[in-house]
Amino acid sequence: MLKLIILKSHPEMYILGKVSEMDQEPSLLIEDVYLVKGGNGSGIKIDLVEYPKHVSDRFLFLTSTDVLTILEPAPAVIEAYNERIAAK
């Protein structure tokens, strides 16, 4: 499922990706990961930046202690994500 994740260590970062929960730590697998930049509901363009940078892997593993919260992305964010994935 596509989710927006906020980390405890960087609450200003919004990580977007397909999240799968696992039975043991690391408890989250996030695939096709992007950072969400811009877009605040005021017509500002949503920019998705590949994350992490400088690697060929397009996934992350996170432990439950890393995560502050997991949220449903706004429709505009989902649309931007789907467009980005389709353009690959």
C-alpha atoms as a PDB file:
ATOM      1  CA  MET A   1       0.000   0.000   0.000  1.00  0.00           C
ATOM      2  CA  LEU A   2       1.200   3.488  -0.835  1.00  0.00           C
ATOM      3  CA  LYS A   3       1.948   5.402   2.385  1.00  0.00           C
ATOM      4  CA  LEU A   4       3.575   8.593   3.578  1.00  0.00           C
ATOM      5  CA  ILE A   5       6.085   8.026   6.379  1.00  0.00           C
ATOM      6  CA  ILE A   6       7.504  10.549   8.830  1.00  0.00           C
ATOM      7  CA  LEU A   7      10.665   9.535  10.655  1.00  0.00           C
ATOM      8  CA  LYS A   8      11.369  10.343  14.297  1.00  0.00           C
ATOM      9  CA  SER A   9      14.874  11.528  13.460  1.00  0.00           C
ATOM     10  CA  HIS A  10      13.767  13.835  10.604  1.00  0.00           C
ATOM     11  CA  PRO A  11      10.140  14.928  11.151  1.00  0.00           C
ATOM     12  CA  GLU A  12      10.433  17.493   8.333  1.00  0.00           C
ATOM     13  CA  MET A  13      11.043  14.712   5.756  1.00  0.00           C
ATOM     14  CA  TYR A  14       8.095  13.023   4.069  1.00  0.00           C
ATOM     15  CA  ILE A  15       8.974   9.603   2.621  1.00  0.00           C
ATOM     16  CA  LEU A  16       6.559   8.110   0.102  1.00  0.00           C
ATOM     17  CA  GLY A  17       6.524   4.512  -1.051  1.00  0.00           C
ATOM     18  CA  LYS A  18       4.803   1.144  -1.183  1.00  0.00           C
ATOM     19  CA  VAL A  19       4.887  -0.173   2.384  1.00  0.00           C
ATOM     20  CA  SER A  20       4.865  -3.832   3.392  1.00  0.00           C
ATOM     21  CA  GLU A  21       4.821  -4.773   7.069  1.00  0.00           C
ATOM     22  CA  MET A  22       6.940  -7.709   8.192  1.00  0.00           C
ATOM     23  CA  ASP A  23       6.704  -9.943  11.255  1.00  0.00           C
ATOM     24  CA  GLN A  24      10.117  -9.060  12.672  1.00  0.00           C
ATOM     25  CA  GLU A  25      12.549  -6.145  12.701  1.00  0.00           C
ATOM     26  CA  PRO A  26      13.178  -4.398  10.456  1.00  0.00           C
ATOM     27  CA  SER A  27       9.413  -4.294  10.402  1.00  0.00           C
ATOM     28  CA  LEU A  28       8.833  -2.192   7.266  1.00  0.00           C
ATOM     29  CA  LEU A  29       9.886  -2.675   3.664  1.00  0.00           C
ATOM     30  CA  ILE A  30       9.336   0.433   1.546  1.00  0.00           C
ATOM     31  CA  GLU A  31       9.620   0.061  -2.219  1.00  0.00           C
ATOM     32  CA  ASP A  32       9.831   2.716  -4.966  1.00  0.00           C
ATOM     33  CA  VAL A  33      10.811   5.326  -2.379  1.00  0.00           C
ATOM     34  CA  TYR A  34      10.652   9.091  -2.917  1.00  0.00           C
ATOM     35  CA  LEU A  35      10.933  12.209  -0.790  1.00  0.00           C
ATOM     36  CA  VAL A  36       7.983  14.561  -1.169  1.00  0.00           C
ATOM     37  CA  LYS A  37       8.964  18.201  -1.698  1.00  0.00           C
ATOM     38  CA  GLY A  38       6.671  21.193  -2.205  1.00  0.00           C
ATOM     39  CA  GLY A  39       2.925  20.900  -2.510  1.00  0.00           C
ATOM     40  CA  ASN A  40       1.066  22.402   0.406  1.00  0.00           C
ATOM     41  CA  GLY A  41      -2.434  22.600  -1.038  1.00  0.00           C
ATOM     42  CA  SER A  42      -1.833  26.122  -2.365  1.00  0.00           C
ATOM     43  CA  GLY A  43      -1.162  25.132  -5.944  1.00  0.00           C
ATOM     44  CA  ILE A  44       2.535  24.533  -5.332  1.00  0.00           C
ATOM     45  CA  LYS A  45       3.835  21.738  -7.548  1.00  0.00           C
ATOM     46  CA  ILE A  46       4.562  18.451  -5.807  1.00  0.00           C
ATOM     47  CA  ASP A  47       8.108  17.320  -6.509  1.00  0.00           C
ATOM     48  CA  LEU A  48       9.174  13.730  -5.866  1.00  0.00           C
ATOM     49  CA  VAL A  49      12.894  13.128  -5.378  1.00  0.00           C
ATOM     50  CA  GLU A  50      14.356   9.611  -5.522  1.00  0.00           C
ATOM     51  CA  TYR A  51      15.466   8.419  -2.095  1.00  0.00           C
ATOM     52  CA  PRO A  52      17.974   7.395  -0.966  1.00  0.00           C
ATOM     53  CA  LYS A  53      20.322   9.276  -3.259  1.00  0.00           C
ATOM     54  CA  HIS A  54      23.412   7.843  -4.932  1.00  0.00           C
ATOM     55  CA  VAL A  55      22.284   4.186  -4.839  1.00  0.00           C
ATOM     56  CA  SER A  56      20.697   1.835  -7.337  1.00  0.00           C
ATOM     57  CA  ASP A  57      18.398   0.251  -4.732  1.00  0.00           C
ATOM     58  CA  ARG A  58      14.838   1.552  -4.850  1.00  0.00           C
ATOM     59  CA  PHE A  59      13.810   0.222  -1.450  1.00  0.00           C
ATOM     60  CA  LEU A  60      14.405   0.793   2.266  1.00  0.00           C
ATOM     61  CA  PHE A  61      14.056  -1.263   5.401  1.00  0.00           C
ATOM     62  CA  LEU A  62      12.970   0.597   8.544  1.00  0.00           C
ATOM     63  CA  THR A  63      12.575  -0.541  12.116  1.00  0.00           C
ATOM     64  CA  SER A  64       9.476   0.354  14.087  1.00  0.00           C
ATOM     65  CA  THR A  65      11.603   2.614  16.312  1.00  0.00           C
ATOM     66  CA  ASP A  66      12.563   4.772  13.278  1.00  0.00           C
ATOM     67  CA  VAL A  67       8.981   5.708  12.411  1.00  0.00           C
ATOM     68  CA  LEU A  68       7.075   8.589  13.978  1.00  0.00           C
ATOM     69  CA  THR A  69       3.902   7.931  11.979  1.00  0.00           C
ATOM     70  CA  ILE A  70       2.500   6.390   8.795  1.00  0.00           C
ATOM     71  CA  LEU A  71      -0.154   8.358   6.909  1.00  0.00           C
ATOM     72  CA  GLU A  72      -2.403   8.121   3.881  1.00  0.00           C
ATOM     73  CA  PRO A  73      -1.047  10.418   1.142  1.00  0.00           C
ATOM     74  CA  ALA A  74      -3.271  13.164  -0.281  1.00  0.00           C
ATOM     75  CA  PRO A  75      -4.830  12.514  -3.716  1.00  0.00           C
ATOM     76  CA  ALA A  76      -2.466  15.015  -5.380  1.00  0.00           C
ATOM     77  CA  VAL A  77       0.547  13.182  -3.920  1.00  0.00           C
ATOM     78  CA  ILE A  78      -0.794   9.818  -5.127  1.00  0.00           C
ATOM     79  CA  GLU A  79      -1.314  11.269  -8.607  1.00  0.00           C
ATOM     80  CA  ALA A  80       2.247  12.668  -8.705  1.00  0.00           C
ATOM     81  CA  TYR A  81       3.624   9.305  -7.529  1.00  0.00           C
ATOM     82  CA  ASN A  82       1.684   7.328 -10.132  1.00  0.00           C
ATOM     83  CA  GLU A  83       2.866   9.684 -12.881  1.00  0.00           C
ATOM     84  CA  ARG A  84       6.466   9.345 -11.711  1.00  0.00           C
ATOM     85  CA  ILE A  85       6.290   5.538 -11.568  1.00  0.00           C
ATOM     86  CA  ALA A  86       4.652   5.366 -15.013  1.00  0.00           C
ATOM     87  CA  ALA A  87       7.415   7.558 -16.482  1.00  0.00           C
ATOM     88  CA  LYS A  88      10.161   5.136 -15.387  1.00  0.00           C
END
